[in-house]
């Protein structure tokens, strides 16, 4: 079976039915404006319909972020960019091309890991939704622990300009493994939100090439 994206798993059956009306409501708004997105009745209803009956508390912000990224991905034509682990070795060279307005950047399965919740097990990164913001920064939604047989997955959102001199406090290289035995297995790790954002910028550079 083809490897599904988080969009496929959550929105695949409803996107073409729900998103056109949402697009009409957002015609006068900047699409990436999260506040404007939440002013649209169709967006509010979408989030309500996606919310589990038992509620999700503070995680509602993550659900809103997922819905917004998914809409932008759909509106951009669902661009899927397949990335390799080579992107973690060094920054790709600058390119003069234009990246899609929004896209999903996907990495090889079970190669990059992160501890999304402190004290919890590490989860594999499937990929990230990425889109540019009007202030020349980007917004990234990392998707972790994605599996067709799992109910739900974890997401982490970061946004901002590129940090030009990003380093780890412990002196290890960016994306060096944090899992026990990870180095021997050839695995990588994301340590903190700044590394997730840096990975988003590397994806953005690749998307422009």
N, C-alpha and C. Protein backbone atom coordinates (compact mmCIF):
# COMPACT_ATOMS: atom_id res chain seq x y z
N UNK A 1 0.84 -1.20 0.00
CA UNK A 1 0.00 0.00 0.00
C UNK A 1 0.88 1.25 0.00
N UNK A 2 0.48 2.30 -0.74
CA UNK A 2 1.23 3.55 -0.72
C UNK A 2 1.27 4.12 0.70
N UNK A 3 2.34 4.78 1.03
CA UNK A 3 2.50 5.36 2.37
C UNK A 3 1.59 6.58 2.50
N UNK A 4 0.63 6.57 3.42
CA UNK A 4 -0.30 7.69 3.53
C UNK A 4 0.33 8.87 4.24
N UNK A 5 -0.13 10.04 3.93
CA UNK A 5 0.26 11.25 4.66
C UNK A 5 -0.76 11.48 5.78
N UNK A 6 -0.43 12.33 6.75
CA UNK A 6 -1.44 12.66 7.77
C UNK A 6 -2.67 13.30 7.16
N UNK A 7 -2.49 14.03 6.06
CA UNK A 7 -3.65 14.60 5.38
C UNK A 7 -4.57 13.49 4.88
N UNK A 8 -3.98 12.45 4.28
CA UNK A 8 -4.78 11.34 3.78
C UNK A 8 -5.59 10.70 4.90
N UNK A 9 -4.95 10.50 6.05
CA UNK A 9 -5.58 9.76 7.14
C UNK A 9 -6.70 10.55 7.82
N UNK A 10 -6.53 11.87 7.92
CA UNK A 10 -7.51 12.67 8.66
C UNK A 10 -8.49 13.39 7.75
N UNK A 11 -8.00 13.91 6.63
CA UNK A 11 -8.83 14.78 5.80
C UNK A 11 -9.15 14.21 4.42
N UNK A 12 -8.59 13.05 4.08
CA UNK A 12 -8.75 12.52 2.74
C UNK A 12 -10.18 12.36 2.28
N UNK A 13 -11.08 11.99 3.21
CA UNK A 13 -12.48 11.74 2.83
C UNK A 13 -13.35 12.98 2.90
N UNK A 14 -12.87 14.03 3.52
CA UNK A 14 -13.74 15.19 3.74
C UNK A 14 -13.22 16.47 3.10
N UNK A 15 -11.95 16.50 2.67
CA UNK A 15 -11.36 17.74 2.20
C UNK A 15 -12.11 18.36 1.03
N UNK A 16 -12.37 17.58 0.00
CA UNK A 16 -13.02 18.13 -1.20
C UNK A 16 -14.46 18.53 -0.94
N UNK A 17 -15.03 18.03 0.15
CA UNK A 17 -16.40 18.40 0.50
C UNK A 17 -16.43 19.65 1.38
N UNK A 18 -15.45 19.77 2.30
CA UNK A 18 -15.49 20.83 3.30
C UNK A 18 -14.65 22.06 2.96
N UNK A 19 -13.53 21.85 2.27
CA UNK A 19 -12.59 22.95 2.08
C UNK A 19 -12.99 23.99 1.04
N UNK A 20 -13.73 23.65 -0.04
CA UNK A 20 -14.12 24.71 -0.98
C UNK A 20 -14.92 25.83 -0.34
N UNK A 21 -15.86 25.51 0.54
CA UNK A 21 -16.65 26.54 1.22
C UNK A 21 -15.75 27.37 2.14
N UNK A 22 -14.79 26.71 2.77
CA UNK A 22 -13.85 27.43 3.62
C UNK A 22 -13.00 28.40 2.80
N UNK A 23 -12.59 27.95 1.63
CA UNK A 23 -11.82 28.82 0.73
C UNK A 23 -12.63 30.05 0.35
N UNK A 24 -13.92 29.87 0.09
CA UNK A 24 -14.78 31.01 -0.26
C UNK A 24 -14.86 32.00 0.90
N UNK A 25 -14.91 31.50 2.12
CA UNK A 25 -15.01 32.37 3.29
C UNK A 25 -13.73 33.16 3.53
N UNK A 26 -12.60 32.62 3.06
CA UNK A 26 -11.31 33.25 3.32
C UNK A 26 -10.81 34.09 2.14
N UNK A 27 -11.67 34.36 1.17
CA UNK A 27 -11.24 35.08 -0.03
C UNK A 27 -10.64 36.45 0.28
N UNK A 28 -11.16 37.13 1.29
CA UNK A 28 -10.70 38.47 1.63
C UNK A 28 -9.63 38.47 2.71
N UNK A 29 -9.18 37.32 3.11
CA UNK A 29 -8.21 37.20 4.21
C UNK A 29 -6.87 36.72 3.69
N UNK A 30 -5.82 36.96 4.46
CA UNK A 30 -4.52 36.35 4.18
C UNK A 30 -4.62 34.89 4.61
N UNK A 31 -4.43 33.95 3.68
CA UNK A 31 -4.68 32.54 4.01
C UNK A 31 -3.90 32.02 5.22
N UNK A 32 -2.68 32.53 5.43
CA UNK A 32 -1.86 32.03 6.53
C UNK A 32 -2.20 32.67 7.87
N UNK A 33 -3.12 33.63 7.89
CA UNK A 33 -3.51 34.31 9.13
C UNK A 33 -4.37 33.36 9.96
N UNK A 34 -3.82 32.85 11.05
CA UNK A 34 -4.53 31.87 11.88
C UNK A 34 -5.79 32.46 12.50
N UNK A 35 -5.73 33.73 12.90
CA UNK A 35 -6.91 34.36 13.50
C UNK A 35 -8.03 34.49 12.47
N UNK A 36 -7.68 34.86 11.24
CA UNK A 36 -8.69 34.97 10.19
C UNK A 36 -9.28 33.60 9.88
N UNK A 37 -8.43 32.59 9.89
CA UNK A 37 -8.89 31.22 9.66
C UNK A 37 -9.96 30.85 10.68
N UNK A 38 -9.72 31.20 11.94
CA UNK A 38 -10.65 30.83 13.01
C UNK A 38 -11.90 31.70 13.03
N UNK A 39 -11.92 32.76 12.24
CA UNK A 39 -13.13 33.57 12.14
C UNK A 39 -14.13 32.96 11.16
N UNK A 40 -13.68 32.04 10.32
CA UNK A 40 -14.56 31.43 9.33
C UNK A 40 -15.43 30.37 9.99
N UNK A 41 -16.75 30.45 9.85
CA UNK A 41 -17.63 29.45 10.46
C UNK A 41 -17.30 28.02 10.04
N UNK A 42 -16.86 27.86 8.78
CA UNK A 42 -16.52 26.52 8.29
C UNK A 42 -15.31 25.94 9.02
N UNK A 43 -14.37 26.81 9.38
CA UNK A 43 -13.20 26.34 10.13
C UNK A 43 -13.58 25.94 11.55
N UNK A 44 -14.42 26.76 12.18
CA UNK A 44 -14.87 26.45 13.54
C UNK A 44 -15.60 25.11 13.55
N UNK A 45 -16.47 24.90 12.58
CA UNK A 45 -17.23 23.65 12.54
C UNK A 45 -16.32 22.46 12.25
N UNK A 46 -15.31 22.67 11.41
CA UNK A 46 -14.37 21.59 11.11
C UNK A 46 -13.63 21.16 12.36
N UNK A 47 -13.15 22.11 13.14
CA UNK A 47 -12.44 21.77 14.37
C UNK A 47 -13.36 21.07 15.35
N UNK A 48 -14.58 21.52 15.45
CA UNK A 48 -15.56 20.87 16.34
C UNK A 48 -15.81 19.43 15.92
N UNK A 49 -15.91 19.20 14.63
CA UNK A 49 -16.18 17.86 14.14
C UNK A 49 -14.98 16.93 14.34
N UNK A 50 -13.77 17.49 14.31
CA UNK A 50 -12.58 16.67 14.49
C UNK A 50 -12.28 16.38 15.96
N UNK A 51 -12.78 17.22 16.84
CA UNK A 51 -12.51 17.07 18.27
C UNK A 51 -13.20 15.82 18.81
N UNK A 52 -12.48 14.96 19.54
CA UNK A 52 -13.10 13.77 20.11
C UNK A 52 -14.17 14.14 21.14
N UNK A 53 -15.12 13.24 21.35
CA UNK A 53 -16.24 13.51 22.25
C UNK A 53 -15.77 13.80 23.67
N UNK A 54 -14.70 13.14 24.10
CA UNK A 54 -14.22 13.34 25.46
C UNK A 54 -13.43 14.63 25.62
N UNK A 55 -13.23 15.38 24.52
CA UNK A 55 -12.49 16.62 24.58
C UNK A 55 -10.99 16.38 24.57
N UNK A 56 -10.22 17.45 24.34
CA UNK A 56 -8.76 17.31 24.30
C UNK A 56 -8.04 18.40 25.08
N UNK A 57 -8.78 19.22 25.83
CA UNK A 57 -8.17 20.21 26.70
C UNK A 57 -7.27 21.18 25.94
N UNK A 58 -6.05 21.36 26.49
CA UNK A 58 -5.12 22.32 25.91
C UNK A 58 -4.65 21.90 24.51
N UNK A 59 -4.83 20.64 24.15
CA UNK A 59 -4.41 20.17 22.83
C UNK A 59 -5.28 20.72 21.71
N UNK A 60 -6.30 21.52 22.05
CA UNK A 60 -7.14 22.11 21.02
C UNK A 60 -6.31 22.99 20.09
N UNK A 61 -5.27 23.64 20.63
CA UNK A 61 -4.41 24.48 19.79
C UNK A 61 -3.71 23.64 18.72
N UNK A 62 -3.31 22.43 19.08
CA UNK A 62 -2.65 21.55 18.12
C UNK A 62 -3.64 21.10 17.05
N UNK A 63 -4.89 20.86 17.44
CA UNK A 63 -5.90 20.46 16.47
C UNK A 63 -6.19 21.60 15.50
N UNK A 64 -6.27 22.82 16.01
CA UNK A 64 -6.48 23.99 15.15
C UNK A 64 -5.31 24.14 14.18
N UNK A 65 -4.09 23.96 14.69
CA UNK A 65 -2.91 24.07 13.82
C UNK A 65 -2.96 23.02 12.71
N UNK A 66 -3.32 21.80 13.05
CA UNK A 66 -3.40 20.74 12.05
C UNK A 66 -4.45 21.07 10.99
N UNK A 67 -5.61 21.54 11.42
CA UNK A 67 -6.67 21.87 10.46
C UNK A 67 -6.23 23.00 9.53
N UNK A 68 -5.55 24.01 10.08
CA UNK A 68 -5.11 25.14 9.27
C UNK A 68 -4.04 24.71 8.26
N UNK A 69 -3.05 23.94 8.73
CA UNK A 69 -2.02 23.45 7.82
C UNK A 69 -2.62 22.57 6.73
N UNK A 70 -3.57 21.72 7.11
CA UNK A 70 -4.19 20.82 6.14
C UNK A 70 -4.94 21.61 5.08
N UNK A 71 -5.64 22.67 5.50
CA UNK A 71 -6.36 23.49 4.52
C UNK A 71 -5.39 24.15 3.54
N UNK A 72 -4.31 24.73 4.06
CA UNK A 72 -3.34 25.39 3.19
C UNK A 72 -2.68 24.40 2.24
N UNK A 73 -2.41 23.20 2.72
CA UNK A 73 -1.85 22.13 1.89
C UNK A 73 -2.81 21.79 0.75
N UNK A 74 -4.08 21.67 1.09
CA UNK A 74 -5.11 21.37 0.08
C UNK A 74 -5.22 22.52 -0.93
N UNK A 75 -5.26 23.76 -0.43
CA UNK A 75 -5.42 24.92 -1.31
C UNK A 75 -4.23 25.08 -2.26
N UNK A 76 -3.06 24.59 -1.85
CA UNK A 76 -1.87 24.69 -2.70
C UNK A 76 -1.78 23.55 -3.71
N UNK A 77 -2.73 22.63 -3.67
CA UNK A 77 -2.72 21.51 -4.61
C UNK A 77 -2.08 20.25 -4.05
N UNK A 78 -1.91 20.18 -2.74
CA UNK A 78 -1.37 19.00 -2.04
C UNK A 78 0.05 18.64 -2.49
N UNK A 79 0.97 19.59 -2.52
CA UNK A 79 2.34 19.26 -2.92
C UNK A 79 3.04 18.38 -1.87
N UNK A 80 3.58 17.28 -2.30
CA UNK A 80 4.31 16.36 -1.43
C UNK A 80 5.76 16.33 -1.87
N UNK A 81 6.67 16.67 -0.96
CA UNK A 81 8.10 16.69 -1.26
C UNK A 81 8.77 15.58 -0.46
N UNK A 82 9.39 14.66 -1.15
CA UNK A 82 10.10 13.56 -0.49
C UNK A 82 11.54 14.00 -0.21
N UNK A 83 11.94 13.92 1.04
CA UNK A 83 13.27 14.34 1.45
C UNK A 83 14.10 13.15 1.88
N UNK A 84 15.41 13.31 1.84
CA UNK A 84 16.32 12.25 2.27
C UNK A 84 17.03 12.67 3.54
N UNK A 85 17.66 11.71 4.20
CA UNK A 85 18.42 12.00 5.41
C UNK A 85 19.63 12.88 5.13
N UNK A 86 20.06 12.97 3.88
CA UNK A 86 21.20 13.82 3.54
C UNK A 86 20.97 15.26 3.97
N UNK A 87 19.70 15.66 4.08
CA UNK A 87 19.37 17.03 4.44
C UNK A 87 19.83 17.35 5.87
N UNK A 88 20.05 16.33 6.68
CA UNK A 88 20.48 16.54 8.05
C UNK A 88 21.99 16.72 8.17
N UNK A 89 22.72 16.42 7.11
CA UNK A 89 24.18 16.53 7.15
C UNK A 89 24.64 17.97 7.05
N UNK A 90 24.01 18.75 6.20
CA UNK A 90 24.40 20.14 6.01
C UNK A 90 23.26 20.90 5.36
N UNK A 91 23.34 22.21 5.44
CA UNK A 91 22.32 23.04 4.83
C UNK A 91 22.40 22.95 3.31
N UNK A 92 21.28 22.75 2.65
CA UNK A 92 21.32 22.76 1.18
C UNK A 92 21.65 24.15 0.66
N UNK A 93 22.26 24.26 -0.49
CA UNK A 93 22.59 25.58 -1.04
C UNK A 93 21.34 26.38 -1.36
N UNK A 94 21.49 27.69 -1.31
CA UNK A 94 20.37 28.58 -1.64
C UNK A 94 19.95 28.37 -3.09
N UNK A 95 18.67 28.49 -3.33
CA UNK A 95 18.14 28.33 -4.69
C UNK A 95 17.24 29.51 -5.02
N UNK A 96 17.12 29.81 -6.30
CA UNK A 96 16.34 30.97 -6.74
C UNK A 96 14.89 30.60 -7.09
N UNK A 97 14.54 29.33 -6.98
CA UNK A 97 13.20 28.92 -7.35
C UNK A 97 12.17 29.37 -6.32
N UNK A 98 10.93 29.05 -6.59
CA UNK A 98 9.82 29.40 -5.71
C UNK A 98 9.23 28.14 -5.11
N UNK A 99 9.17 28.08 -3.80
CA UNK A 99 8.57 26.93 -3.13
C UNK A 99 7.05 27.00 -3.25
N UNK A 100 6.35 25.87 -3.19
CA UNK A 100 4.89 25.93 -3.14
C UNK A 100 4.43 26.76 -1.94
N UNK A 101 3.24 27.32 -2.05
CA UNK A 101 2.72 28.14 -0.95
C UNK A 101 2.63 27.35 0.35
N UNK A 102 2.35 26.08 0.23
CA UNK A 102 2.31 25.16 1.38
C UNK A 102 2.57 23.77 0.83
N UNK A 103 3.17 22.91 1.64
CA UNK A 103 3.48 21.56 1.19
C UNK A 103 3.73 20.65 2.38
N UNK A 104 3.81 19.36 2.10
CA UNK A 104 4.18 18.39 3.13
C UNK A 104 5.53 17.81 2.76
N UNK A 105 6.50 17.98 3.66
CA UNK A 105 7.86 17.47 3.46
C UNK A 105 7.99 16.16 4.24
N UNK A 106 8.24 15.07 3.54
CA UNK A 106 8.25 13.75 4.17
C UNK A 106 9.63 13.13 4.15
N UNK A 107 10.00 12.52 5.29
CA UNK A 107 11.29 11.88 5.43
C UNK A 107 11.15 10.36 5.39
N UNK A 108 12.26 9.64 5.20
CA UNK A 108 12.20 8.18 5.27
C UNK A 108 11.65 7.73 6.63
N UNK A 109 10.93 6.64 6.61
CA UNK A 109 10.26 6.17 7.82
C UNK A 109 11.24 5.76 8.92
N UNK A 110 10.89 6.13 10.15
CA UNK A 110 11.57 5.66 11.36
C UNK A 110 13.07 5.93 11.36
N UNK A 111 13.46 7.07 10.77
CA UNK A 111 14.89 7.41 10.76
C UNK A 111 15.21 8.61 11.66
N UNK A 112 14.22 9.48 11.89
CA UNK A 112 14.42 10.67 12.71
C UNK A 112 13.43 10.62 13.87
N UNK A 113 13.94 10.80 15.10
CA UNK A 113 13.11 10.61 16.29
C UNK A 113 13.16 11.85 17.17
N UNK A 114 12.14 11.99 18.04
CA UNK A 114 12.12 13.09 19.00
C UNK A 114 11.25 12.69 20.18
N UNK A 115 11.59 13.24 21.32
CA UNK A 115 10.76 13.07 22.52
C UNK A 115 9.78 14.23 22.55
N UNK A 116 8.60 14.00 22.02
CA UNK A 116 7.61 15.06 21.87
C UNK A 116 7.09 15.53 23.22
N UNK A 117 6.86 14.58 24.13
CA UNK A 117 6.38 14.89 25.48
C UNK A 117 7.45 14.48 26.48
N UNK A 118 7.83 15.40 27.34
CA UNK A 118 8.89 15.11 28.31
C UNK A 118 8.54 13.90 29.16
N UNK A 119 9.47 12.96 29.24
CA UNK A 119 9.25 11.76 30.02
C UNK A 119 8.58 10.64 29.27
N UNK A 120 8.09 10.92 28.07
CA UNK A 120 7.42 9.90 27.26
C UNK A 120 8.41 9.27 26.30
N UNK A 121 7.96 8.21 25.63
CA UNK A 121 8.81 7.54 24.65
C UNK A 121 9.07 8.44 23.46
N UNK A 122 10.21 8.24 22.83
CA UNK A 122 10.52 8.96 21.59
C UNK A 122 9.62 8.46 20.46
N UNK A 123 9.29 9.35 19.54
CA UNK A 123 8.42 9.02 18.42
C UNK A 123 9.12 9.37 17.11
N UNK A 124 8.86 8.59 16.06
CA UNK A 124 9.49 8.89 14.76
C UNK A 124 8.80 10.05 14.04
N UNK A 125 9.61 10.86 13.38
CA UNK A 125 9.08 11.94 12.55
C UNK A 125 8.66 11.38 11.21
N UNK A 126 7.42 11.61 10.82
CA UNK A 126 6.98 11.24 9.48
C UNK A 126 7.34 12.35 8.51
N UNK A 127 7.04 13.57 8.88
CA UNK A 127 7.33 14.71 8.02
C UNK A 127 6.79 15.98 8.64
N UNK A 128 6.75 17.05 7.87
CA UNK A 128 6.28 18.34 8.37
C UNK A 128 5.47 19.06 7.31
N UNK A 129 4.36 19.68 7.74
CA UNK A 129 3.69 20.67 6.91
C UNK A 129 4.47 21.97 7.04
N UNK A 130 4.68 22.65 5.92
CA UNK A 130 5.47 23.89 5.92
C UNK A 130 4.77 24.93 5.05
N UNK A 131 4.72 26.16 5.53
CA UNK A 131 4.31 27.27 4.66
C UNK A 131 5.01 28.54 5.10
N UNK A 132 5.22 29.44 4.14
CA UNK A 132 5.86 30.71 4.40
C UNK A 132 4.86 31.71 4.95
N UNK A 133 5.36 32.63 5.79
CA UNK A 133 4.53 33.69 6.36
C UNK A 133 4.90 35.03 5.73
N UNK A 134 4.02 36.01 5.80
CA UNK A 134 4.28 37.30 5.16
C UNK A 134 5.54 38.01 5.64
N UNK A 135 6.00 37.71 6.86
CA UNK A 135 7.19 38.39 7.39
C UNK A 135 8.48 37.68 7.03
N UNK A 136 8.44 36.80 6.04
CA UNK A 136 9.61 36.06 5.54
C UNK A 136 10.06 34.94 6.47
N UNK A 137 9.28 34.65 7.51
CA UNK A 137 9.57 33.48 8.33
C UNK A 137 8.74 32.31 7.79
N UNK A 138 8.85 31.17 8.43
CA UNK A 138 8.03 30.02 8.03
C UNK A 138 7.34 29.44 9.25
N UNK A 139 6.29 28.68 8.99
CA UNK A 139 5.58 27.96 10.04
C UNK A 139 5.66 26.48 9.71
N UNK A 140 6.01 25.68 10.70
CA UNK A 140 6.26 24.25 10.51
C UNK A 140 5.42 23.46 11.50
N UNK A 141 4.78 22.41 11.02
CA UNK A 141 4.04 21.49 11.89
C UNK A 141 4.63 20.09 11.71
N UNK A 142 5.45 19.67 12.68
CA UNK A 142 6.04 18.34 12.63
C UNK A 142 5.02 17.29 13.04
N UNK A 143 5.00 16.18 12.33
CA UNK A 143 4.05 15.09 12.59
C UNK A 143 4.85 13.86 13.04
N UNK A 144 4.58 13.39 14.25
CA UNK A 144 5.34 12.31 14.85
C UNK A 144 4.42 11.13 15.19
N UNK A 145 4.99 9.94 15.12
CA UNK A 145 4.25 8.75 15.53
C UNK A 145 3.11 8.38 14.61
N UNK A 146 3.22 8.74 13.35
CA UNK A 146 2.15 8.43 12.39
C UNK A 146 2.19 6.96 12.00
N UNK A 147 1.05 6.31 12.10
CA UNK A 147 0.92 4.91 11.67
C UNK A 147 -0.54 4.67 11.33
N UNK A 148 -0.82 4.02 10.19
CA UNK A 148 -2.22 3.82 9.78
C UNK A 148 -3.06 3.09 10.82
N UNK A 149 -2.43 2.25 11.65
CA UNK A 149 -3.18 1.48 12.63
C UNK A 149 -3.25 2.16 13.99
N UNK A 150 -2.63 3.32 14.12
CA UNK A 150 -2.66 4.05 15.39
C UNK A 150 -3.75 5.10 15.36
N UNK A 151 -4.47 5.23 16.46
CA UNK A 151 -5.48 6.27 16.56
C UNK A 151 -4.78 7.57 16.94
N UNK A 152 -4.66 8.47 16.00
CA UNK A 152 -4.04 9.75 16.25
C UNK A 152 -2.53 9.74 16.05
N UNK A 153 -1.95 10.90 16.21
CA UNK A 153 -0.50 11.08 16.11
C UNK A 153 -0.17 12.37 16.84
N UNK A 154 1.11 12.63 17.03
CA UNK A 154 1.55 13.81 17.75
C UNK A 154 1.99 14.90 16.77
N UNK A 155 1.72 16.15 17.12
CA UNK A 155 2.17 17.26 16.28
C UNK A 155 2.84 18.31 17.15
N UNK A 156 3.82 18.97 16.57
CA UNK A 156 4.51 20.09 17.23
C UNK A 156 4.63 21.21 16.22
N UNK A 157 4.18 22.41 16.60
CA UNK A 157 4.25 23.55 15.68
C UNK A 157 5.29 24.55 16.15
N UNK A 158 6.08 25.02 15.21
CA UNK A 158 7.06 26.08 15.46
C UNK A 158 7.00 27.06 14.30
N UNK A 159 7.42 28.28 14.56
CA UNK A 159 7.44 29.30 13.51
C UNK A 159 8.53 30.30 13.82
N UNK A 160 9.08 30.90 12.77
CA UNK A 160 10.08 31.93 12.99
C UNK A 160 11.07 32.05 11.87
N UNK A 161 11.97 33.03 11.98
CA UNK A 161 13.05 33.18 11.01
C UNK A 161 14.12 32.13 11.25
N UNK A 162 15.04 32.02 10.33
CA UNK A 162 16.11 31.03 10.46
C UNK A 162 17.15 31.51 11.47
N UNK A 163 17.58 30.60 12.33
CA UNK A 163 18.66 30.88 13.27
C UNK A 163 19.97 30.52 12.57
N UNK A 164 20.80 31.48 12.32
CA UNK A 164 21.99 31.27 11.49
C UNK A 164 23.09 30.49 12.20
N UNK A 165 23.16 30.56 13.52
CA UNK A 165 24.25 29.90 14.25
C UNK A 165 23.70 28.93 15.28
N UNK A 166 22.80 28.07 14.87
CA UNK A 166 22.18 27.13 15.78
C UNK A 166 23.16 26.04 16.22
N UNK A 167 23.28 25.84 17.53
CA UNK A 167 24.13 24.79 18.08
C UNK A 167 23.42 24.15 19.26
N UNK A 168 23.88 22.97 19.64
CA UNK A 168 23.37 22.30 20.84
C UNK A 168 24.22 22.67 22.06
N UNK A 169 23.55 22.81 23.19
CA UNK A 169 24.27 23.18 24.40
C UNK A 169 25.30 22.12 24.81
N UNK A 170 25.00 20.84 24.51
CA UNK A 170 25.93 19.78 24.93
C UNK A 170 27.09 19.58 23.95
N UNK A 171 27.11 20.37 22.90
CA UNK A 171 28.22 20.30 21.95
C UNK A 171 28.07 19.24 20.88
N UNK A 172 27.04 18.40 20.95
CA UNK A 172 26.84 17.40 19.90
C UNK A 172 26.31 18.08 18.65
N UNK A 173 26.46 17.40 17.53
CA UNK A 173 26.01 17.96 16.26
C UNK A 173 24.49 18.04 16.19
N UNK A 174 23.99 18.99 15.41
CA UNK A 174 22.55 19.06 15.17
C UNK A 174 22.07 17.73 14.62
N UNK A 175 20.94 17.26 15.11
CA UNK A 175 20.28 16.04 14.66
C UNK A 175 21.05 14.77 15.05
N UNK A 176 22.06 14.90 15.91
CA UNK A 176 22.74 13.70 16.41
C UNK A 176 21.75 12.88 17.25
N UNK A 177 21.88 11.55 17.26
CA UNK A 177 20.88 10.72 17.94
C UNK A 177 20.85 10.93 19.44
N UNK A 178 19.66 10.87 20.01
CA UNK A 178 19.45 10.91 21.45
C UNK A 178 18.95 9.58 21.97
N UNK A 179 18.52 8.70 21.09
CA UNK A 179 18.04 7.38 21.49
C UNK A 179 19.23 6.49 21.86
N UNK A 180 19.06 5.66 22.88
CA UNK A 180 20.10 4.70 23.23
C UNK A 180 20.30 3.73 22.06
N UNK A 181 21.53 3.59 21.62
CA UNK A 181 21.82 2.73 20.48
C UNK A 181 21.52 3.38 19.15
N UNK A 182 21.12 4.65 19.16
CA UNK A 182 20.73 5.32 17.93
C UNK A 182 21.86 5.50 16.95
N UNK A 183 23.06 5.78 17.46
CA UNK A 183 24.20 5.98 16.57
C UNK A 183 24.53 4.70 15.81
N UNK A 184 24.51 3.58 16.53
CA UNK A 184 24.82 2.29 15.90
C UNK A 184 23.77 1.93 14.86
N UNK A 185 22.54 2.35 15.11
CA UNK A 185 21.44 2.03 14.18
C UNK A 185 21.32 3.04 13.05
N UNK A 186 22.14 4.09 13.08
CA UNK A 186 22.07 5.09 12.03
C UNK A 186 20.87 6.01 12.13
N UNK A 187 20.35 6.19 13.36
CA UNK A 187 19.17 7.03 13.55
C UNK A 187 19.59 8.47 13.86
N UNK A 188 18.64 9.38 13.73
CA UNK A 188 18.85 10.79 14.04
C UNK A 188 17.79 11.25 15.03
N UNK A 189 18.04 12.39 15.66
CA UNK A 189 17.08 12.93 16.62
C UNK A 189 16.91 14.43 16.43
N UNK A 190 15.71 14.90 16.73
CA UNK A 190 15.44 16.33 16.80
C UNK A 190 15.42 16.69 18.28
N UNK A 191 16.29 17.60 18.68
CA UNK A 191 16.39 18.00 20.07
C UNK A 191 15.87 19.43 20.22
N UNK A 192 14.60 19.58 20.49
CA UNK A 192 14.03 20.90 20.70
C UNK A 192 13.39 21.50 19.48
N UNK A 193 12.60 22.53 19.73
CA UNK A 193 11.82 23.16 18.66
C UNK A 193 12.71 23.87 17.63
N UNK A 194 13.86 24.40 18.08
CA UNK A 194 14.71 25.11 17.13
C UNK A 194 15.24 24.17 16.05
N UNK A 195 15.52 22.92 16.42
CA UNK A 195 15.99 21.97 15.41
C UNK A 195 14.86 21.61 14.45
N UNK A 196 13.64 21.52 14.96
CA UNK A 196 12.51 21.26 14.07
C UNK A 196 12.34 22.41 13.09
N UNK A 197 12.49 23.64 13.57
CA UNK A 197 12.39 24.80 12.69
C UNK A 197 13.52 24.80 11.66
N UNK A 198 14.74 24.46 12.09
CA UNK A 198 15.86 24.39 11.15
C UNK A 198 15.60 23.34 10.08
N UNK A 199 15.02 22.23 10.46
CA UNK A 199 14.68 21.20 9.48
C UNK A 199 13.66 21.73 8.49
N UNK A 200 12.72 22.55 8.98
CA UNK A 200 11.74 23.17 8.10
C UNK A 200 12.41 24.11 7.10
N UNK A 201 13.41 24.86 7.56
CA UNK A 201 14.12 25.76 6.64
C UNK A 201 14.91 24.99 5.60
N UNK A 202 15.48 23.85 5.99
CA UNK A 202 16.18 23.03 5.00
C UNK A 202 15.21 22.45 3.98
N UNK A 203 14.03 22.07 4.46
CA UNK A 203 13.00 21.61 3.52
C UNK A 203 12.60 22.73 2.57
N UNK A 204 12.49 23.95 3.10
CA UNK A 204 12.10 25.10 2.29
C UNK A 204 13.14 25.36 1.20
N UNK A 205 14.41 25.25 1.55
CA UNK A 205 15.47 25.45 0.55
C UNK A 205 15.39 24.39 -0.54
N UNK A 206 15.10 23.15 -0.14
CA UNK A 206 14.95 22.08 -1.11
C UNK A 206 13.74 22.30 -1.99
N UNK A 207 12.65 22.80 -1.41
CA UNK A 207 11.42 23.03 -2.17
C UNK A 207 11.62 24.12 -3.22
N UNK A 208 12.58 25.01 -3.00
CA UNK A 208 12.84 26.09 -3.95
C UNK A 208 13.73 25.65 -5.11
N UNK A 209 14.39 24.52 -4.96
CA UNK A 209 15.36 24.11 -5.98
C UNK A 209 14.68 23.45 -7.18
